[in-house]
Amino acid sequence: MNEEISVPLLIVVAVILISQSIFLFSNARKHGHNYWLWGILGLIQAPMPTLVYLYFVRKLWHKKK
């Protein structure tokens, strides 16, 4: 039950979370959304904040009329 998490895995996870947070922060700021909120949410978990942002806030997959 005492499993250790390897250092390279932690580095990869940190890079993914930081890059996701930077993307969400800069994109939300450019489009006038709550950029601090999206930047912080991007640091907490991956990939759900990005998917929620792209689907509900940016509405990328909605059909254009």
PDB file of N, CA and C in Angstrom:
ATOM      1  N   MET A   1       0.809  -1.194   0.000  1.00  0.00           N
ATOM      2  CA  MET A   1       0.000   0.000   0.000  1.00  0.00           C
ATOM      3  C   MET A   1       0.854   1.260   0.000  1.00  0.00           C
ATOM      4  N   ASN A   2       2.099   1.142   0.300  1.00  0.00           N
ATOM      5  CA  ASN A   2       2.985   2.298   0.363  1.00  0.00           C
ATOM      6  C   ASN A   2       3.659   2.484  -0.995  1.00  0.00           C
ATOM      7  N   GLU A   3       2.933   3.054  -1.936  1.00  0.00           N
ATOM      8  CA  GLU A   3       3.454   3.242  -3.285  1.00  0.00           C
ATOM      9  C   GLU A   3       4.051   4.631  -3.421  1.00  0.00           C
ATOM     10  N   GLU A   4       5.210   4.685  -4.050  1.00  0.00           N
ATOM     11  CA  GLU A   4       5.860   5.972  -4.277  1.00  0.00           C
ATOM     12  C   GLU A   4       5.581   6.440  -5.701  1.00  0.00           C
ATOM     13  N   ILE A   5       5.399   7.728  -5.842  1.00  0.00           N
ATOM     14  CA  ILE A   5       5.205   8.320  -7.155  1.00  0.00           C
ATOM     15  C   ILE A   5       6.566   8.795  -7.643  1.00  0.00           C
ATOM     16  N   SER A   6       6.916   8.424  -8.855  1.00  0.00           N
ATOM     17  CA  SER A   6       8.238   8.758  -9.363  1.00  0.00           C
ATOM     18  C   SER A   6       8.351  10.249  -9.671  1.00  0.00           C
ATOM     19  N   VAL A   7       9.560  10.747  -9.591  1.00  0.00           N
ATOM     20  CA  VAL A   7       9.831  12.161  -9.841  1.00  0.00           C
ATOM     21  C   VAL A   7       9.538  12.550 -11.290  1.00  0.00           C
ATOM     22  N   PRO A   8       9.928  11.753 -12.294  1.00  0.00           N
ATOM     23  CA  PRO A   8       9.586  12.135 -13.674  1.00  0.00           C
ATOM     24  C   PRO A   8       8.077  12.252 -13.905  1.00  0.00           C
ATOM     25  N   LEU A   9       7.298  11.390 -13.273  1.00  0.00           N
ATOM     26  CA  LEU A   9       5.847  11.477 -13.404  1.00  0.00           C
ATOM     27  C   LEU A   9       5.322  12.778 -12.800  1.00  0.00           C
ATOM     28  N   LEU A  10       5.848  13.172 -11.658  1.00  0.00           N
ATOM     29  CA  LEU A  10       5.446  14.437 -11.041  1.00  0.00           C
ATOM     30  C   LEU A  10       5.804  15.630 -11.918  1.00  0.00           C
ATOM     31  N   ILE A  11       6.951  15.566 -12.570  1.00  0.00           N
ATOM     32  CA  ILE A  11       7.370  16.657 -13.454  1.00  0.00           C
ATOM     33  C   ILE A  11       6.439  16.753 -14.660  1.00  0.00           C
ATOM     34  N   VAL A  12       6.081  15.616 -15.238  1.00  0.00           N
ATOM     35  CA  VAL A  12       5.170  15.608 -16.388  1.00  0.00           C
ATOM     36  C   VAL A  12       3.803  16.165 -15.993  1.00  0.00           C
ATOM     37  N   VAL A  13       3.291  15.753 -14.847  1.00  0.00           N
ATOM     38  CA  VAL A  13       1.994  16.250 -14.379  1.00  0.00           C
ATOM     39  C   VAL A  13       2.059  17.748 -14.124  1.00  0.00           C
ATOM     40  N   ALA A  14       3.143  18.222 -13.520  1.00  0.00           N
ATOM     41  CA  ALA A  14       3.294  19.656 -13.254  1.00  0.00           C
ATOM     42  C   ALA A  14       3.338  20.456 -14.552  1.00  0.00           C
ATOM     43  N   VAL A  15       4.053  19.960 -15.551  1.00  0.00           N
ATOM     44  CA  VAL A  15       4.132  20.658 -16.841  1.00  0.00           C
ATOM     45  C   VAL A  15       2.756  20.704 -17.509  1.00  0.00           C
ATOM     46  N   ILE A  16       2.015  19.609 -17.456  1.00  0.00           N
ATOM     47  CA  ILE A  16       0.674  19.575 -18.049  1.00  0.00           C
ATOM     48  C   ILE A  16      -0.247  20.575 -17.361  1.00  0.00           C
ATOM     49  N   LEU A  17      -0.245  20.593 -16.035  1.00  0.00           N
ATOM     50  CA  LEU A  17      -1.134  21.495 -15.302  1.00  0.00           C
ATOM     51  C   LEU A  17      -0.766  22.957 -15.510  1.00  0.00           C
ATOM     52  N   ILE A  18       0.521  23.265 -15.512  1.00  0.00           N
ATOM     53  CA  ILE A  18       0.945  24.659 -15.700  1.00  0.00           C
ATOM     54  C   ILE A  18       0.646  25.130 -17.117  1.00  0.00           C
ATOM     55  N   SER A  19       0.903  24.285 -18.107  1.00  0.00           N
ATOM     56  CA  SER A  19       0.616  24.702 -19.484  1.00  0.00           C
ATOM     57  C   SER A  19      -0.887  24.857 -19.711  1.00  0.00           C
ATOM     58  N   GLN A  20      -1.696  23.985 -19.114  1.00  0.00           N
ATOM     59  CA  GLN A  20      -3.147  24.126 -19.218  1.00  0.00           C
ATOM     60  C   GLN A  20      -3.607  25.418 -18.551  1.00  0.00           C
ATOM     61  N   SER A  21      -3.049  25.732 -17.404  1.00  0.00           N
ATOM     62  CA  SER A  21      -3.427  26.947 -16.691  1.00  0.00           C
ATOM     63  C   SER A  21      -3.053  28.199 -17.476  1.00  0.00           C
ATOM     64  N   ILE A  22      -1.879  28.196 -18.077  1.00  0.00           N
ATOM     65  CA  ILE A  22      -1.450  29.342 -18.885  1.00  0.00           C
ATOM     66  C   ILE A  22      -2.352  29.505 -20.104  1.00  0.00           C
ATOM     67  N   PHE A  23      -2.700  28.396 -20.752  1.00  0.00           N
ATOM     68  CA  PHE A  23      -3.603  28.474 -21.905  1.00  0.00           C
ATOM     69  C   PHE A  23      -4.960  29.042 -21.511  1.00  0.00           C
ATOM     70  N   LEU A  24      -5.543  28.509 -20.437  1.00  0.00           N
ATOM     71  CA  LEU A  24      -6.860  28.979 -20.013  1.00  0.00           C
ATOM     72  C   LEU A  24      -6.821  30.443 -19.600  1.00  0.00           C
ATOM     73  N   PHE A  25      -5.788  30.842 -18.862  1.00  0.00           N
ATOM     74  CA  PHE A  25      -5.664  32.226 -18.407  1.00  0.00           C
ATOM     75  C   PHE A  25      -5.562  33.181 -19.589  1.00  0.00           C
ATOM     76  N   SER A  26      -4.664  32.888 -20.517  1.00  0.00           N
ATOM     77  CA  SER A  26      -4.452  33.810 -21.637  1.00  0.00           C
ATOM     78  C   SER A  26      -5.648  33.835 -22.589  1.00  0.00           C
ATOM     79  N   ASN A  27      -6.264  32.694 -22.831  1.00  0.00           N
ATOM     80  CA  ASN A  27      -7.406  32.645 -23.732  1.00  0.00           C
ATOM     81  C   ASN A  27      -8.621  33.334 -23.118  1.00  0.00           C
ATOM     82  N   ALA A  28      -8.869  33.112 -21.843  1.00  0.00           N
ATOM     83  CA  ALA A  28     -10.001  33.768 -21.183  1.00  0.00           C
ATOM     84  C   ALA A  28      -9.777  35.273 -21.093  1.00  0.00           C
ATOM     85  N   ARG A  29      -8.553  35.689 -20.895  1.00  0.00           N
ATOM     86  CA  ARG A  29      -8.256  37.120 -20.833  1.00  0.00           C
ATOM     87  C   ARG A  29      -8.471  37.777 -22.198  1.00  0.00           C
ATOM     88  N   LYS A  30      -8.066  37.078 -23.251  1.00  0.00           N
ATOM     89  CA  LYS A  30      -8.217  37.615 -24.603  1.00  0.00           C
ATOM     90  C   LYS A  30      -9.688  37.753 -24.991  1.00  0.00           C
ATOM     91  N   HIS A  31     -10.534  36.859 -24.490  1.00  0.00           N
ATOM     92  CA  HIS A  31     -11.942  36.862 -24.867  1.00  0.00           C
ATOM     93  C   HIS A  31     -12.846  37.497 -23.811  1.00  0.00           C
ATOM     94  N   GLY A  32     -12.268  38.085 -22.767  1.00  0.00           N
ATOM     95  CA  GLY A  32     -13.046  38.841 -21.796  1.00  0.00           C
ATOM     96  C   GLY A  32     -13.814  38.022 -20.778  1.00  0.00           C
ATOM     97  N   HIS A  33     -13.316  36.848 -20.434  1.00  0.00           N
ATOM     98  CA  HIS A  33     -13.965  36.020 -19.424  1.00  0.00           C
ATOM     99  C   HIS A  33     -13.204  36.149 -18.105  1.00  0.00           C
ATOM    100  N   ASN A  34     -13.653  35.473 -17.066  1.00  0.00           N
ATOM    101  CA  ASN A  34     -12.996  35.508 -15.755  1.00  0.00           C
ATOM    102  C   ASN A  34     -11.661  34.767 -15.823  1.00  0.00           C
ATOM    103  N   TYR A  35     -10.614  35.488 -16.215  1.00  0.00           N
ATOM    104  CA  TYR A  35      -9.343  34.813 -16.489  1.00  0.00           C
ATOM    105  C   TYR A  35      -8.664  34.273 -15.243  1.00  0.00           C
ATOM    106  N   TRP A  36      -8.800  34.940 -14.094  1.00  0.00           N
ATOM    107  CA  TRP A  36      -8.190  34.405 -12.873  1.00  0.00           C
ATOM    108  C   TRP A  36      -8.857  33.100 -12.462  1.00  0.00           C
ATOM    109  N   LEU A  37     -10.146  33.036 -12.572  1.00  0.00           N
ATOM    110  CA  LEU A  37     -10.873  31.814 -12.235  1.00  0.00           C
ATOM    111  C   LEU A  37     -10.410  30.649 -13.098  1.00  0.00           C
ATOM    112  N   TRP A  38     -10.331  30.869 -14.412  1.00  0.00           N
ATOM    113  CA  TRP A  38      -9.939  29.788 -15.310  1.00  0.00           C
ATOM    114  C   TRP A  38      -8.478  29.404 -15.134  1.00  0.00           C
ATOM    115  N   GLY A  39      -7.624  30.373 -14.817  1.00  0.00           N
ATOM    116  CA  GLY A  39      -6.222  30.056 -14.553  1.00  0.00           C
ATOM    117  C   GLY A  39      -6.050  29.187 -13.324  1.00  0.00           C
ATOM    118  N   ILE A  40      -6.795  29.499 -12.266  1.00  0.00           N
ATOM    119  CA  ILE A  40      -6.712  28.703 -11.036  1.00  0.00           C
ATOM    120  C   ILE A  40      -7.329  27.325 -11.240  1.00  0.00           C
ATOM    121  N   LEU A  41      -8.460  27.271 -11.923  1.00  0.00           N
ATOM    122  CA  LEU A  41      -9.072  25.966 -12.196  1.00  0.00           C
ATOM    123  C   LEU A  41      -8.156  25.080 -13.037  1.00  0.00           C
ATOM    124  N   GLY A  42      -7.378  25.689 -13.911  1.00  0.00           N
ATOM    125  CA  GLY A  42      -6.449  24.920 -14.733  1.00  0.00           C
ATOM    126  C   GLY A  42      -5.325  24.291 -13.942  1.00  0.00           C
ATOM    127  N   LEU A  43      -5.014  24.850 -12.771  1.00  0.00           N
ATOM    128  CA  LEU A  43      -3.960  24.280 -11.929  1.00  0.00           C
ATOM    129  C   LEU A  43      -4.443  23.112 -11.081  1.00  0.00           C
ATOM    130  N   ILE A  44      -5.735  22.972 -10.931  1.00  0.00           N
ATOM    131  CA  ILE A  44      -6.273  21.976 -10.010  1.00  0.00           C
ATOM    132  C   ILE A  44      -6.383  20.594 -10.638  1.00  0.00           C
ATOM    133  N   GLN A  45      -6.860  20.523 -11.859  1.00  0.00           N
ATOM    134  CA  GLN A  45      -7.164  19.234 -12.466  1.00  0.00           C
ATOM    135  C   GLN A  45      -6.995  19.325 -13.976  1.00  0.00           C
ATOM    136  N   ALA A  46      -6.710  18.211 -14.615  1.00  0.00           N
ATOM    137  CA  ALA A  46      -6.632  18.153 -16.076  1.00  0.00           C
ATOM    138  C   ALA A  46      -7.426  16.938 -16.532  1.00  0.00           C
ATOM    139  N   PRO A  47      -8.037  16.963 -17.645  1.00  0.00           N
ATOM    140  CA  PRO A  47      -8.294  17.976 -18.652  1.00  0.00           C
ATOM    141  C   PRO A  47      -9.669  18.622 -18.530  1.00  0.00           C
ATOM    142  N   MET A  48     -10.428  18.336 -17.485  1.00  0.00           N
ATOM    143  CA  MET A  48     -11.810  18.814 -17.379  1.00  0.00           C
ATOM    144  C   MET A  48     -11.963  20.329 -17.446  1.00  0.00           C
ATOM    145  N   PRO A  49     -11.137  21.141 -16.775  1.00  0.00           N
ATOM    146  CA  PRO A  49     -11.330  22.590 -16.900  1.00  0.00           C
ATOM    147  C   PRO A  49     -11.212  23.087 -18.339  1.00  0.00           C
ATOM    148  N   THR A  50     -10.298  22.524 -19.100  1.00  0.00           N
ATOM    149  CA  THR A  50     -10.144  22.930 -20.498  1.00  0.00           C
ATOM    150  C   THR A  50     -11.367  22.531 -21.316  1.00  0.00           C
ATOM    151  N   LEU A  51     -11.860  21.329 -21.115  1.00  0.00           N
ATOM    152  CA  LEU A  51     -13.037  20.882 -21.854  1.00  0.00           C
ATOM    153  C   LEU A  51     -14.271  21.701 -21.497  1.00  0.00           C
ATOM    154  N   VAL A  52     -14.453  21.995 -20.219  1.00  0.00           N
ATOM    155  CA  VAL A  52     -15.596  22.810 -19.791  1.00  0.00           C
ATOM    156  C   VAL A  52     -15.481  24.211 -20.363  1.00  0.00           C
ATOM    157  N   TYR A  53     -14.292  24.777 -20.321  1.00  0.00           N
ATOM    158  CA  TYR A  53     -14.084  26.124 -20.863  1.00  0.00           C
ATOM    159  C   TYR A  53     -14.389  26.161 -22.356  1.00  0.00           C
ATOM    160  N   LEU A  54     -13.862  25.214 -23.106  1.00  0.00           N
ATOM    161  CA  LEU A  54     -14.066  25.219 -24.553  1.00  0.00           C
ATOM    162  C   LEU A  54     -15.517  24.938 -24.930  1.00  0.00           C
ATOM    163  N   TYR A  55     -16.190  24.101 -24.178  1.00  0.00           N
ATOM    164  CA  TYR A  55     -17.558  23.737 -24.544  1.00  0.00           C
ATOM    165  C   TYR A  55     -18.587  24.764 -24.088  1.00  0.00           C
ATOM    166  N   PHE A  56     -18.519  25.183 -22.821  1.00  0.00           N
ATOM    167  CA  PHE A  56     -19.562  26.048 -22.279  1.00  0.00           C
ATOM    168  C   PHE A  56     -19.250  27.538 -22.399  1.00  0.00           C
ATOM    169  N   VAL A  57     -17.998  27.922 -22.262  1.00  0.00           N
ATOM    170  CA  VAL A  57     -17.661  29.349 -22.289  1.00  0.00           C
ATOM    171  C   VAL A  57     -17.403  29.815 -23.714  1.00  0.00           C
ATOM    172  N   ARG A  58     -16.537  29.132 -24.424  1.00  0.00           N
ATOM    173  CA  ARG A  58     -16.214  29.524 -25.800  1.00  0.00           C
ATOM    174  C   ARG A  58     -17.214  28.985 -26.810  1.00  0.00           C
ATOM    175  N   LYS A  59     -17.950  27.941 -26.461  1.00  0.00           N
ATOM    176  CA  LYS A  59     -18.982  27.331 -27.307  1.00  0.00           C
ATOM    177  C   LYS A  59     -18.437  26.945 -28.680  1.00  0.00           C
ATOM    178  N   LEU A  60     -17.317  26.228 -28.682  1.00  0.00           N
ATOM    179  CA  LEU A  60     -16.669  25.848 -29.935  1.00  0.00           C
ATOM    180  C   LEU A  60     -17.437  24.783 -30.705  1.00  0.00           C
ATOM    181  N   TRP A  61     -18.154  23.903 -29.997  1.00  0.00           N
ATOM    182  CA  TRP A  61     -18.809  22.803 -30.681  1.00  0.00           C
ATOM    183  C   TRP A  61     -20.278  23.070 -30.982  1.00  0.00           C
ATOM    184  N   HIS A  62     -20.760  24.251 -30.692  1.00  0.00           N
ATOM    185  CA  HIS A  62     -22.150  24.577 -31.003  1.00  0.00           C
ATOM    186  C   HIS A  62     -22.269  24.911 -32.487  1.00  0.00           C
ATOM    187  N   LYS A  63     -23.367  24.533 -33.071  1.00  0.00           N
ATOM    188  CA  LYS A  63     -23.582  24.811 -34.493  1.00  0.00           C
ATOM    189  C   LYS A  63     -23.861  26.293 -34.691  1.00  0.00           C
ATOM    190  N   LYS A  64     -23.235  26.848 -35.700  1.00  0.00           N
ATOM    191  CA  LYS A  64     -23.464  28.252 -36.025  1.00  0.00           C
ATOM    192  C   LYS A  64     -24.646  28.359 -36.970  1.00  0.00           C
ATOM    193  N   LYS A  65     -25.493  29.351 -36.724  1.00  0.00           N
ATOM    194  CA  LYS A  65     -26.677  29.534 -37.576  1.00  0.00           C
ATOM    195  C   LYS A  65     -26.439  30.606 -38.605  1.00  0.00           C
TER     196      LYS A  65
END
